Amino acid sequence: MVNRHLTGAHYGLRDWVLQRITAVIMLVYTVFLLIGLFAMPNTYEGWQAFFSNTIVRIFTQITVLALLLHVWVGIRDVWMDYVKPMGLRLTMHVLTILWLVGTFIYSVRVIWGV
């Protein structure tokens, strides 16, 4: 008889697609940011004007969210592959989620000046 443990399997394809989509979003944002950096004057006012644009703020927030989702898939897989005790693994998952949610809330505060 096989002793099966609940490990959270069966989301391989969905996670693979999510990793690719978030990676493309981050790549597009990086190219957009590099073009913006070369196009704007290298002064505080230039930076402030660039990042006060609503489109830039929205794109930045979407990219931060994509980064956090990308991190979640990766670190969750690390915990599932290398942390064998179920209680410790659950604790690591919860702590990671709390850290990512806190990071997202802080990013909203920084990007939107709330």
PDB file of N, CA and C in Angstrom:
ATOM      1  N   MET A   1       0.835  -1.170   0.000  1.00  0.00           N
ATOM      2  CA  MET A   1       0.000   0.000   0.000  1.00  0.00           C
ATOM      3  C   MET A   1       0.884   1.239   0.000  1.00  0.00           C
ATOM      4  N   VAL A   2       0.509   2.206  -0.779  1.00  0.00           N
ATOM      5  CA  VAL A   2       1.266   3.450  -0.882  1.00  0.00           C
ATOM      6  C   VAL A   2       0.685   4.447   0.108  1.00  0.00           C
ATOM      7  N   ASN A   3       1.538   5.020   0.930  1.00  0.00           N
ATOM      8  CA  ASN A   3       1.123   6.036   1.892  1.00  0.00           C
ATOM      9  C   ASN A   3       1.271   7.401   1.231  1.00  0.00           C
ATOM     10  N   ARG A   4       0.151   8.015   0.858  1.00  0.00           N
ATOM     11  CA  ARG A   4       0.182   9.285   0.133  1.00  0.00           C
ATOM     12  C   ARG A   4      -0.020  10.439   1.099  1.00  0.00           C
ATOM     13  N   HIS A   5       0.776  11.474   0.916  1.00  0.00           N
ATOM     14  CA  HIS A   5       0.671  12.678   1.729  1.00  0.00           C
ATOM     15  C   HIS A   5       0.193  13.829   0.854  1.00  0.00           C
ATOM     16  N   LEU A   6      -0.579  14.698   1.455  1.00  0.00           N
ATOM     17  CA  LEU A   6      -1.026  15.888   0.738  1.00  0.00           C
ATOM     18  C   LEU A   6       0.164  16.828   0.563  1.00  0.00           C
ATOM     19  N   THR A   7       0.586  17.024  -0.661  1.00  0.00           N
ATOM     20  CA  THR A   7       1.744  17.879  -0.910  1.00  0.00           C
ATOM     21  C   THR A   7       1.429  19.061  -1.801  1.00  0.00           C
ATOM     22  N   GLY A   8       0.198  19.169  -2.266  1.00  0.00           N
ATOM     23  CA  GLY A   8      -0.159  20.323  -3.085  1.00  0.00           C
ATOM     24  C   GLY A   8       0.232  20.173  -4.541  1.00  0.00           C
ATOM     25  N   ALA A   9       0.246  18.968  -5.054  1.00  0.00           N
ATOM     26  CA  ALA A   9       0.630  18.750  -6.443  1.00  0.00           C
ATOM     27  C   ALA A   9      -0.513  19.134  -7.385  1.00  0.00           C
ATOM     28  N   HIS A  10      -0.314  18.964  -8.660  1.00  0.00           N
ATOM     29  CA  HIS A  10      -1.294  19.168  -9.724  1.00  0.00           C
ATOM     30  C   HIS A  10      -1.450  20.614 -10.140  1.00  0.00           C
ATOM     31  N   TYR A  11      -0.466  21.446  -9.938  1.00  0.00           N
ATOM     32  CA  TYR A  11      -0.580  22.758 -10.534  1.00  0.00           C
ATOM     33  C   TYR A  11       0.667  23.117 -11.320  1.00  0.00           C
ATOM     34  N   GLY A  12       1.258  22.146 -11.956  1.00  0.00           N
ATOM     35  CA  GLY A  12       2.483  22.349 -12.716  1.00  0.00           C
ATOM     36  C   GLY A  12       2.324  23.220 -13.948  1.00  0.00           C
ATOM     37  N   LEU A  13       1.359  22.905 -14.810  1.00  0.00           N
ATOM     38  CA  LEU A  13       1.188  23.675 -16.040  1.00  0.00           C
ATOM     39  C   LEU A  13       0.759  25.103 -15.737  1.00  0.00           C
ATOM     40  N   ARG A  14      -0.188  25.265 -14.824  1.00  0.00           N
ATOM     41  CA  ARG A  14      -0.652  26.604 -14.457  1.00  0.00           C
ATOM     42  C   ARG A  14       0.507  27.451 -13.927  1.00  0.00           C
ATOM     43  N   ASP A  15       1.340  26.867 -13.074  1.00  0.00           N
ATOM     44  CA  ASP A  15       2.473  27.596 -12.521  1.00  0.00           C
ATOM     45  C   ASP A  15       3.528  27.895 -13.580  1.00  0.00           C
ATOM     46  N   TRP A  16       3.742  26.957 -14.493  1.00  0.00           N
ATOM     47  CA  TRP A  16       4.704  27.174 -15.569  1.00  0.00           C
ATOM     48  C   TRP A  16       4.258  28.363 -16.431  1.00  0.00           C
ATOM     49  N   VAL A  17       2.968  28.411 -16.773  1.00  0.00           N
ATOM     50  CA  VAL A  17       2.429  29.511 -17.571  1.00  0.00           C
ATOM     51  C   VAL A  17       2.521  30.822 -16.791  1.00  0.00           C
ATOM     52  N   LEU A  18       2.168  30.790 -15.504  1.00  0.00           N
ATOM     53  CA  LEU A  18       2.242  31.992 -14.675  1.00  0.00           C
ATOM     54  C   LEU A  18       3.670  32.523 -14.606  1.00  0.00           C
ATOM     55  N   GLN A  19       4.648  31.636 -14.465  1.00  0.00           N
ATOM     56  CA  GLN A  19       6.047  32.063 -14.435  1.00  0.00           C
ATOM     57  C   GLN A  19       6.434  32.745 -15.741  1.00  0.00           C
ATOM     58  N   ARG A  20       5.985  32.207 -16.866  1.00  0.00           N
ATOM     59  CA  ARG A  20       6.341  32.786 -18.168  1.00  0.00           C
ATOM     60  C   ARG A  20       5.666  34.139 -18.369  1.00  0.00           C
ATOM     61  N   ILE A  21       4.403  34.242 -17.999  1.00  0.00           N
ATOM     62  CA  ILE A  21       3.683  35.510 -18.164  1.00  0.00           C
ATOM     63  C   ILE A  21       4.298  36.594 -17.293  1.00  0.00           C
ATOM     64  N   THR A  22       4.579  36.268 -16.033  1.00  0.00           N
ATOM     65  CA  THR A  22       5.164  37.279 -15.147  1.00  0.00           C
ATOM     66  C   THR A  22       6.569  37.658 -15.601  1.00  0.00           C
ATOM     67  N   ALA A  23       7.315  36.705 -16.133  1.00  0.00           N
ATOM     68  CA  ALA A  23       8.651  37.021 -16.642  1.00  0.00           C
ATOM     69  C   ALA A  23       8.575  37.973 -17.834  1.00  0.00           C
ATOM     70  N   VAL A  24       7.604  37.776 -18.709  1.00  0.00           N
ATOM     71  CA  VAL A  24       7.439  38.667 -19.867  1.00  0.00           C
ATOM     72  C   VAL A  24       7.045  40.068 -19.396  1.00  0.00           C
ATOM     73  N   ILE A  25       6.147  40.156 -18.416  1.00  0.00           N
ATOM     74  CA  ILE A  25       5.761  41.466 -17.879  1.00  0.00           C
ATOM     75  C   ILE A  25       6.978  42.185 -17.317  1.00  0.00           C
ATOM     76  N   MET A  26       7.800  41.468 -16.551  1.00  0.00           N
ATOM     77  CA  MET A  26       8.992  42.094 -15.966  1.00  0.00           C
ATOM     78  C   MET A  26      10.002  42.497 -17.039  1.00  0.00           C
ATOM     79  N   LEU A  27      10.130  41.698 -18.087  1.00  0.00           N
ATOM     80  CA  LEU A  27      11.039  42.040 -19.183  1.00  0.00           C
ATOM     81  C   LEU A  27      10.565  43.294 -19.912  1.00  0.00           C
ATOM     82  N   VAL A  28       9.274  43.362 -20.233  1.00  0.00           N
ATOM     83  CA  VAL A  28       8.726  44.535 -20.917  1.00  0.00           C
ATOM     84  C   VAL A  28       8.912  45.781 -20.049  1.00  0.00           C
ATOM     85  N   TYR A  29       8.662  45.654 -18.748  1.00  0.00           N
ATOM     86  CA  TYR A  29       8.829  46.800 -17.844  1.00  0.00           C
ATOM     87  C   TYR A  29      10.292  47.244 -17.795  1.00  0.00           C
ATOM     88  N   THR A  30      11.210  46.299 -17.777  1.00  0.00           N
ATOM     89  CA  THR A  30      12.636  46.643 -17.744  1.00  0.00           C
ATOM     90  C   THR A  30      13.038  47.416 -18.996  1.00  0.00           C
ATOM     91  N   VAL A  31      12.587  46.964 -20.148  1.00  0.00           N
ATOM     92  CA  VAL A  31      12.889  47.671 -21.400  1.00  0.00           C
ATOM     93  C   VAL A  31      12.252  49.060 -21.376  1.00  0.00           C
ATOM     94  N   PHE A  32      10.989  49.138 -20.952  1.00  0.00           N
ATOM     95  CA  PHE A  32      10.279  50.412 -20.836  1.00  0.00           C
ATOM     96  C   PHE A  32      11.029  51.358 -19.895  1.00  0.00           C
ATOM     97  N   LEU A  33      11.474  50.839 -18.762  1.00  0.00           N
ATOM     98  CA  LEU A  33      12.186  51.658 -17.786  1.00  0.00           C
ATOM     99  C   LEU A  33      13.533  52.136 -18.337  1.00  0.00           C
ATOM    100  N   LEU A  34      14.257  51.281 -19.017  1.00  0.00           N
ATOM    101  CA  LEU A  34      15.543  51.686 -19.594  1.00  0.00           C
ATOM    102  C   LEU A  34      15.358  52.777 -20.654  1.00  0.00           C
ATOM    103  N   ILE A  35      14.349  52.614 -21.492  1.00  0.00           N
ATOM    104  CA  ILE A  35      14.072  53.646 -22.502  1.00  0.00           C
ATOM    105  C   ILE A  35      13.704  54.955 -21.818  1.00  0.00           C
ATOM    106  N   GLY A  36      12.875  54.878 -20.799  1.00  0.00           N
ATOM    107  CA  GLY A  36      12.488  56.074 -20.052  1.00  0.00           C
ATOM    108  C   GLY A  36      13.672  56.744 -19.371  1.00  0.00           C
ATOM    109  N   LEU A  37      14.585  55.936 -18.827  1.00  0.00           N
ATOM    110  CA  LEU A  37      15.749  56.505 -18.158  1.00  0.00           C
ATOM    111  C   LEU A  37      16.671  57.235 -19.124  1.00  0.00           C
ATOM    112  N   PHE A  38      16.814  56.698 -20.320  1.00  0.00           N
ATOM    113  CA  PHE A  38      17.670  57.369 -21.293  1.00  0.00           C
ATOM    114  C   PHE A  38      16.990  58.580 -21.913  1.00  0.00           C
ATOM    115  N   ALA A  39      15.667  58.598 -21.924  1.00  0.00           N
ATOM    116  CA  ALA A  39      14.934  59.695 -22.557  1.00  0.00           C
ATOM    117  C   ALA A  39      14.746  60.898 -21.642  1.00  0.00           C
ATOM    118  N   MET A  40      14.742  60.679 -20.327  1.00  0.00           N
ATOM    119  CA  MET A  40      14.463  61.799 -19.414  1.00  0.00           C
ATOM    120  C   MET A  40      15.756  62.460 -18.952  1.00  0.00           C
ATOM    121  N   PRO A  41      15.669  63.707 -18.527  1.00  0.00           N
ATOM    122  CA  PRO A  41      16.850  64.366 -17.975  1.00  0.00           C
ATOM    123  C   PRO A  41      17.266  63.709 -16.658  1.00  0.00           C
ATOM    124  N   ASN A  42      18.549  63.677 -16.420  1.00  0.00           N
ATOM    125  CA  ASN A  42      19.078  63.015 -15.235  1.00  0.00           C
ATOM    126  C   ASN A  42      19.079  63.970 -14.040  1.00  0.00           C
ATOM    127  N   THR A  43      17.876  64.379 -13.631  1.00  0.00           N
ATOM    128  CA  THR A  43      17.723  65.264 -12.484  1.00  0.00           C
ATOM    129  C   THR A  43      16.608  64.729 -11.602  1.00  0.00           C
ATOM    130  N   TYR A  44      16.525  65.244 -10.393  1.00  0.00           N
ATOM    131  CA  TYR A  44      15.458  64.844  -9.484  1.00  0.00           C
ATOM    132  C   TYR A  44      14.095  65.168 -10.081  1.00  0.00           C
ATOM    133  N   GLU A  45      13.984  66.344 -10.680  1.00  0.00           N
ATOM    134  CA  GLU A  45      12.719  66.745 -11.275  1.00  0.00           C
ATOM    135  C   GLU A  45      12.329  65.814 -12.430  1.00  0.00           C
ATOM    136  N   GLY A  46      13.324  65.377 -13.188  1.00  0.00           N
ATOM    137  CA  GLY A  46      13.057  64.440 -14.283  1.00  0.00           C
ATOM    138  C   GLY A  46      12.525  63.112 -13.768  1.00  0.00           C
ATOM    139  N   TRP A  47      13.164  62.591 -12.738  1.00  0.00           N
ATOM    140  CA  TRP A  47      12.707  61.345 -12.121  1.00  0.00           C
ATOM    141  C   TRP A  47      11.300  61.517 -11.551  1.00  0.00           C
ATOM    142  N   GLN A  48      11.086  62.622 -10.866  1.00  0.00           N
ATOM    143  CA  GLN A  48       9.796  62.871 -10.239  1.00  0.00           C
ATOM    144  C   GLN A  48       8.694  62.978 -11.301  1.00  0.00           C
ATOM    145  N   ALA A  49       8.979  63.667 -12.385  1.00  0.00           N
ATOM    146  CA  ALA A  49       7.993  63.803 -13.452  1.00  0.00           C
ATOM    147  C   ALA A  49       7.705  62.446 -14.109  1.00  0.00           C
ATOM    148  N   PHE A  50       8.748  61.656 -14.314  1.00  0.00           N
ATOM    149  CA  PHE A  50       8.585  60.345 -14.955  1.00  0.00           C
ATOM    150  C   PHE A  50       7.705  59.432 -14.096  1.00  0.00           C
ATOM    151  N   PHE A  51       8.013  59.337 -12.802  1.00  0.00           N
ATOM    152  CA  PHE A  51       7.295  58.406 -11.937  1.00  0.00           C
ATOM    153  C   PHE A  51       5.989  58.976 -11.390  1.00  0.00           C
ATOM    154  N   SER A  52       5.695  60.228 -11.646  1.00  0.00           N
ATOM    155  CA  SER A  52       4.400  60.772 -11.241  1.00  0.00           C
ATOM    156  C   SER A  52       3.344  60.570 -12.327  1.00  0.00           C
ATOM    157  N   ASN A  53       3.764  60.133 -13.504  1.00  0.00           N
ATOM    158  CA  ASN A  53       2.849  59.829 -14.594  1.00  0.00           C
ATOM    159  C   ASN A  53       1.995  58.611 -14.201  1.00  0.00           C
ATOM    160  N   THR A  54       0.692  58.712 -14.356  1.00  0.00           N
ATOM    161  CA  THR A  54      -0.218  57.642 -13.940  1.00  0.00           C
ATOM    162  C   THR A  54       0.051  56.338 -14.676  1.00  0.00           C
ATOM    163  N   ILE A  55       0.355  56.412 -15.964  1.00  0.00           N
ATOM    164  CA  ILE A  55       0.636  55.199 -16.736  1.00  0.00           C
ATOM    165  C   ILE A  55       1.872  54.486 -16.184  1.00  0.00           C
ATOM    166  N   VAL A  56       2.902  55.239 -15.839  1.00  0.00           N
ATOM    167  CA  VAL A  56       4.114  54.651 -15.280  1.00  0.00           C
ATOM    168  C   VAL A  56       3.804  54.011 -13.926  1.00  0.00           C
ATOM    169  N   ARG A  57       3.003  54.679 -13.117  1.00  0.00           N
ATOM    170  CA  ARG A  57       2.645  54.123 -11.806  1.00  0.00           C
ATOM    171  C   ARG A  57       1.850  52.826 -11.956  1.00  0.00           C
ATOM    172  N   ILE A  58       0.893  52.807 -12.870  1.00  0.00           N
ATOM    173  CA  ILE A  58       0.091  51.596 -13.083  1.00  0.00           C
ATOM    174  C   ILE A  58       0.983  50.455 -13.563  1.00  0.00           C
ATOM    175  N   PHE A  59       1.833  50.744 -14.546  1.00  0.00           N
ATOM    176  CA  PHE A  59       2.732  49.718 -15.087  1.00  0.00           C
ATOM    177  C   PHE A  59       3.704  49.236 -14.014  1.00  0.00           C
ATOM    178  N   THR A  60       4.183  50.140 -13.181  1.00  0.00           N
ATOM    179  CA  THR A  60       5.079  49.759 -12.090  1.00  0.00           C
ATOM    180  C   THR A  60       4.358  48.861 -11.092  1.00  0.00           C
ATOM    181  N   GLN A  61       3.119  49.210 -10.735  1.00  0.00           N
ATOM    182  CA  GLN A  61       2.369  48.396  -9.774  1.00  0.00           C
ATOM    183  C   GLN A  61       2.063  47.017 -10.341  1.00  0.00           C
ATOM    184  N   ILE A  62       1.708  46.954 -11.615  1.00  0.00           N
ATOM    185  CA  ILE A  62       1.465  45.654 -12.256  1.00  0.00           C
ATOM    186  C   ILE A  62       2.739  44.816 -12.251  1.00  0.00           C
ATOM    187  N   THR A  63       3.869  45.452 -12.498  1.00  0.00           N
ATOM    188  CA  THR A  63       5.133  44.733 -12.503  1.00  0.00           C
ATOM    189  C   THR A  63       5.503  44.239 -11.111  1.00  0.00           C
ATOM    190  N   VAL A  64       5.249  45.037 -10.095  1.00  0.00           N
ATOM    191  CA  VAL A  64       5.510  44.583  -8.720  1.00  0.00           C
ATOM    192  C   VAL A  64       4.632  43.377  -8.401  1.00  0.00           C
ATOM    193  N   LEU A  65       3.366  43.430  -8.782  1.00  0.00           N
ATOM    194  CA  LEU A  65       2.476  42.295  -8.554  1.00  0.00           C
ATOM    195  C   LEU A  65       2.970  41.061  -9.317  1.00  0.00           C
ATOM    196  N   ALA A  66       3.412  41.243 -10.548  1.00  0.00           N
ATOM    197  CA  ALA A  66       3.953  40.126 -11.328  1.00  0.00           C
ATOM    198  C   ALA A  66       5.202  39.556 -10.653  1.00  0.00           C
ATOM    199  N   LEU A  67       6.048  40.431 -10.141  1.00  0.00           N
ATOM    200  CA  LEU A  67       7.250  39.979  -9.439  1.00  0.00           C
ATOM    201  C   LEU A  67       6.890  39.159  -8.210  1.00  0.00           C
ATOM    202  N   LEU A  68       5.910  39.613  -7.442  1.00  0.00           N
ATOM    203  CA  LEU A  68       5.511  38.896  -6.236  1.00  0.00           C
ATOM    204  C   LEU A  68       4.885  37.541  -6.565  1.00  0.00           C
ATOM    205  N   LEU A  69       4.087  37.474  -7.624  1.00  0.00           N
ATOM    206  CA  LEU A  69       3.541  36.182  -8.055  1.00  0.00           C
ATOM    207  C   LEU A  69       4.650  35.249  -8.528  1.00  0.00           C
ATOM    208  N   HIS A  70       5.607  35.791  -9.242  1.00  0.00           N
ATOM    209  CA  HIS A  70       6.754  35.027  -9.723  1.00  0.00           C
ATOM    210  C   HIS A  70       7.536  34.458  -8.532  1.00  0.00           C
ATOM    211  N   VAL A  71       7.759  35.292  -7.534  1.00  0.00           N
ATOM    212  CA  VAL A  71       8.471  34.863  -6.326  1.00  0.00           C
ATOM    213  C   VAL A  71       7.676  33.778  -5.601  1.00  0.00           C
ATOM    214  N   TRP A  72       6.358  33.958  -5.497  1.00  0.00           N
ATOM    215  CA  TRP A  72       5.538  32.982  -4.782  1.00  0.00           C
ATOM    216  C   TRP A  72       5.656  31.592  -5.401  1.00  0.00           C
ATOM    217  N   VAL A  73       5.536  31.503  -6.712  1.00  0.00           N
ATOM    218  CA  VAL A  73       5.624  30.198  -7.373  1.00  0.00           C
ATOM    219  C   VAL A  73       6.994  29.573  -7.129  1.00  0.00           C
ATOM    220  N   GLY A  74       8.036  30.365  -7.254  1.00  0.00           N
ATOM    221  CA  GLY A  74       9.384  29.832  -7.070  1.00  0.00           C
ATOM    222  C   GLY A  74       9.671  29.398  -5.648  1.00  0.00           C
ATOM    223  N   ILE A  75       9.374  30.254  -4.672  1.00  0.00           N
ATOM    224  CA  ILE A  75       9.715  29.917  -3.284  1.00  0.00           C
ATOM    225  C   ILE A  75       8.804  28.826  -2.756  1.00  0.00           C
ATOM    226  N   ARG A  76       7.541  28.800  -3.215  1.00  0.00           N
ATOM    227  CA  ARG A  76       6.638  27.719  -2.797  1.00  0.00           C
ATOM    228  C   ARG A  76       7.175  26.363  -3.274  1.00  0.00           C
ATOM    229  N   ASP A  77       7.688  26.329  -4.490  1.00  0.00           N
ATOM    230  CA  ASP A  77       8.252  25.085  -4.995  1.00  0.00           C
ATOM    231  C   ASP A  77       9.497  24.676  -4.211  1.00  0.00           C
ATOM    232  N   VAL A  78      10.296  25.645  -3.806  1.00  0.00           N
ATOM    233  CA  VAL A  78      11.471  25.330  -2.982  1.00  0.00           C
ATOM    234  C   VAL A  78      11.028  24.731  -1.660  1.00  0.00           C
ATOM    235  N   TRP A  79      10.025  25.355  -1.001  1.00  0.00           N
ATOM    236  CA  TRP A  79       9.551  24.811   0.272  1.00  0.00           C
ATOM    237  C   TRP A  79       8.995  23.401   0.077  1.00  0.00           C
ATOM    238  N   MET A  80       8.226  23.190  -1.009  1.00  0.00           N
ATOM    239  CA  MET A  80       7.624  21.869  -1.235  1.00  0.00           C
ATOM    240  C   MET A  80       8.672  20.811  -1.548  1.00  0.00           C
ATOM    241  N   ASP A  81       9.745  21.192  -2.231  1.00  0.00           N
ATOM    242  CA  ASP A  81      10.770  20.215  -2.615  1.00  0.00           C
ATOM    243  C   ASP A  81      11.755  19.899  -1.497  1.00  0.00           C
ATOM    244  N   TYR A  82      12.091  20.873  -0.660  1.00  0.00           N
ATOM    245  CA  TYR A  82      13.194  20.685   0.270  1.00  0.00           C
ATOM    246  C   TYR A  82      12.816  20.700   1.741  1.00  0.00           C
ATOM    247  N   VAL A  83      11.615  21.134   2.091  1.00  0.00           N
ATOM    248  CA  VAL A  83      11.193  21.118   3.490  1.00  0.00           C
ATOM    249  C   VAL A  83      10.211  19.959   3.647  1.00  0.00           C
ATOM    250  N   LYS A  84      10.660  18.890   4.287  1.00  0.00           N
ATOM    251  CA  LYS A  84       9.858  17.670   4.361  1.00  0.00           C
ATOM    252  C   LYS A  84       8.838  17.660   5.502  1.00  0.00           C
ATOM    253  N   PRO A  85       9.153  18.142   6.710  1.00  0.00           N
ATOM    254  CA  PRO A  85       8.127  18.114   7.761  1.00  0.00           C
ATOM    255  C   PRO A  85       6.939  19.018   7.392  1.00  0.00           C
ATOM    256  N   MET A  86       5.741  18.436   7.392  1.00  0.00           N
ATOM    257  CA  MET A  86       4.566  19.149   6.908  1.00  0.00           C
ATOM    258  C   MET A  86       4.271  20.413   7.722  1.00  0.00           C
ATOM    259  N   GLY A  87       4.417  20.354   9.030  1.00  0.00           N
ATOM    260  CA  GLY A  87       4.141  21.529   9.866  1.00  0.00           C
ATOM    261  C   GLY A  87       5.098  22.670   9.569  1.00  0.00           C
ATOM    262  N   LEU A  88       6.383  22.348   9.400  1.00  0.00           N
ATOM    263  CA  LEU A  88       7.375  23.371   9.075  1.00  0.00           C
ATOM    264  C   LEU A  88       7.108  23.949   7.692  1.00  0.00           C
ATOM    265  N   ARG A  89       6.742  23.081   6.758  1.00  0.00           N
ATOM    266  CA  ARG A  89       6.448  23.542   5.398  1.00  0.00           C
ATOM    267  C   ARG A  89       5.246  24.493   5.408  1.00  0.00           C
ATOM    268  N   LEU A  90       4.202  24.155   6.136  1.00  0.00           N
ATOM    269  CA  LEU A  90       3.032  25.020   6.233  1.00  0.00           C
ATOM    270  C   LEU A  90       3.403  26.358   6.862  1.00  0.00           C
ATOM    271  N   THR A  91       4.224  26.319   7.899  1.00  0.00           N
ATOM    272  CA  THR A  91       4.683  27.557   8.537  1.00  0.00           C
ATOM    273  C   THR A  91       5.457  28.422   7.544  1.00  0.00           C
ATOM    274  N   MET A  92       6.331  27.812   6.775  1.00  0.00           N
ATOM    275  CA  MET A  92       7.118  28.560   5.783  1.00  0.00           C
ATOM    276  C   MET A  92       6.205  29.163   4.708  1.00  0.00           C
ATOM    277  N   HIS A  93       5.183  28.409   4.297  1.00  0.00           N
ATOM    278  CA  HIS A  93       4.226  28.937   3.321  1.00  0.00           C
ATOM    279  C   HIS A  93       3.494  30.156   3.884  1.00  0.00           C
ATOM    280  N   VAL A  94       3.008  30.040   5.096  1.00  0.00           N
ATOM    281  CA  VAL A  94       2.257  31.148   5.704  1.00  0.00           C
ATOM    282  C   VAL A  94       3.150  32.368   5.879  1.00  0.00           C
ATOM    283  N   LEU A  95       4.370  32.172   6.366  1.00  0.00           N
ATOM    284  CA  LEU A  95       5.293  33.303   6.542  1.00  0.00           C
ATOM    285  C   LEU A  95       5.632  33.958   5.204  1.00  0.00           C
ATOM    286  N   THR A  96       5.799  33.143   4.175  1.00  0.00           N
ATOM    287  CA  THR A  96       6.082  33.686   2.850  1.00  0.00           C
ATOM    288  C   THR A  96       4.904  34.502   2.329  1.00  0.00           C
ATOM    289  N   ILE A  97       3.689  33.989   2.498  1.00  0.00           N
ATOM    290  CA  ILE A  97       2.498  34.718   2.055  1.00  0.00           C
ATOM    291  C   ILE A  97       2.383  36.040   2.798  1.00  0.00           C
ATOM    292  N   LEU A  98       2.583  36.019   4.113  1.00  0.00           N
ATOM    293  CA  LEU A  98       2.503  37.254   4.903  1.00  0.00           C
ATOM    294  C   LEU A  98       3.538  38.272   4.437  1.00  0.00           C
ATOM    295  N   TRP A  99       4.757  37.800   4.166  1.00  0.00           N
ATOM    296  CA  TRP A  99       5.815  38.685   3.692  1.00  0.00           C
ATOM    297  C   TRP A  99       5.463  39.278   2.323  1.00  0.00           C
ATOM    298  N   LEU A 100       4.932  38.460   1.427  1.00  0.00           N
ATOM    299  CA  LEU A 100       4.579  38.951   0.091  1.00  0.00           C
ATOM    300  C   LEU A 100       3.408  39.933   0.144  1.00  0.00           C
ATOM    301  N   VAL A 101       2.412  39.660   0.962  1.00  0.00           N
ATOM    302  CA  VAL A 101       1.284  40.589   1.104  1.00  0.00           C
ATOM    303  C   VAL A 101       1.767  41.909   1.694  1.00  0.00           C
ATOM    304  N   GLY A 102       2.616  41.839   2.721  1.00  0.00           N
ATOM    305  CA  GLY A 102       3.180  43.055   3.300  1.00  0.00           C
ATOM    306  C   GLY A 102       3.993  43.847   2.292  1.00  0.00           C
ATOM    307  N   THR A 103       4.749  43.143   1.474  1.00  0.00           N
ATOM    308  CA  THR A 103       5.538  43.799   0.432  1.00  0.00           C
ATOM    309  C   THR A 103       4.631  44.485  -0.585  1.00  0.00           C
ATOM    310  N   PHE A 104       3.525  43.840  -0.950  1.00  0.00           N
ATOM    311  CA  PHE A 104       2.597  44.446  -1.896  1.00  0.00           C
ATOM    312  C   PHE A 104       1.961  45.702  -1.300  1.00  0.00           C
ATOM    313  N   ILE A 105       1.536  45.625  -0.050  1.00  0.00           N
ATOM    314  CA  ILE A 105       0.931  46.795   0.598  1.00  0.00           C
ATOM    315  C   ILE A 105       1.933  47.946   0.662  1.00  0.00           C
ATOM    316  N   TYR A 106       3.175  47.641   1.001  1.00  0.00           N
ATOM    317  CA  TYR A 106       4.194  48.682   1.055  1.00  0.00           C
ATOM    318  C   TYR A 106       4.465  49.255  -0.345  1.00  0.00           C
ATOM    319  N   SER A 107       4.420  48.415  -1.367  1.00  0.00           N
ATOM    320  CA  SER A 107       4.665  48.908  -2.731  1.00  0.00           C
ATOM    321  C   SER A 107       3.558  49.887  -3.146  1.00  0.00           C
ATOM    322  N   VAL A 108       2.325  49.617  -2.749  1.00  0.00           N
ATOM    323  CA  VAL A 108       1.228  50.541  -3.053  1.00  0.00           C
ATOM    324  C   VAL A 108       1.507  51.881  -2.388  1.00  0.00           C
ATOM    325  N   ARG A 109       1.957  51.821  -1.160  1.00  0.00           N
ATOM    326  CA  ARG A 109       2.264  53.059  -0.429  1.00  0.00           C
ATOM    327  C   ARG A 109       3.380  53.852  -1.106  1.00  0.00           C
ATOM    328  N   VAL A 110       4.410  53.148  -1.553  1.00  0.00           N
ATOM    329  CA  VAL A 110       5.550  53.830  -2.190  1.00  0.00           C
ATOM    330  C   VAL A 110       5.171  54.367  -3.570  1.00  0.00           C
ATOM    331  N   ILE A 111       4.535  53.549  -4.380  1.00  0.00           N
ATOM    332  CA  ILE A 111       4.242  53.943  -5.759  1.00  0.00           C
ATOM    333  C   ILE A 111       3.184  55.028  -5.830  1.00  0.00           C
ATOM    334  N   TRP A 112       2.159  54.917  -5.018  1.00  0.00           N
ATOM    335  CA  TRP A 112       1.041  55.866  -5.090  1.00  0.00           C
ATOM    336  C   TRP A 112       1.114  56.954  -4.040  1.00  0.00           C
ATOM    337  N   GLY A 113       2.079  56.890  -3.136  1.00  0.00           N
ATOM    338  CA  GLY A 113       2.258  57.941  -2.139  1.00  0.00           C
ATOM    339  C   GLY A 113       1.111  58.011  -1.148  1.00  0.00           C
ATOM    340  N   VAL A 114       0.516  56.852  -0.866  1.00  0.00           N
ATOM    341  CA  VAL A 114      -0.627  56.815   0.061  1.00  0.00           C
ATOM    342  C   VAL A 114      -0.145  56.921   1.493  1.00  0.00           C
TER     343      VAL A 114
END
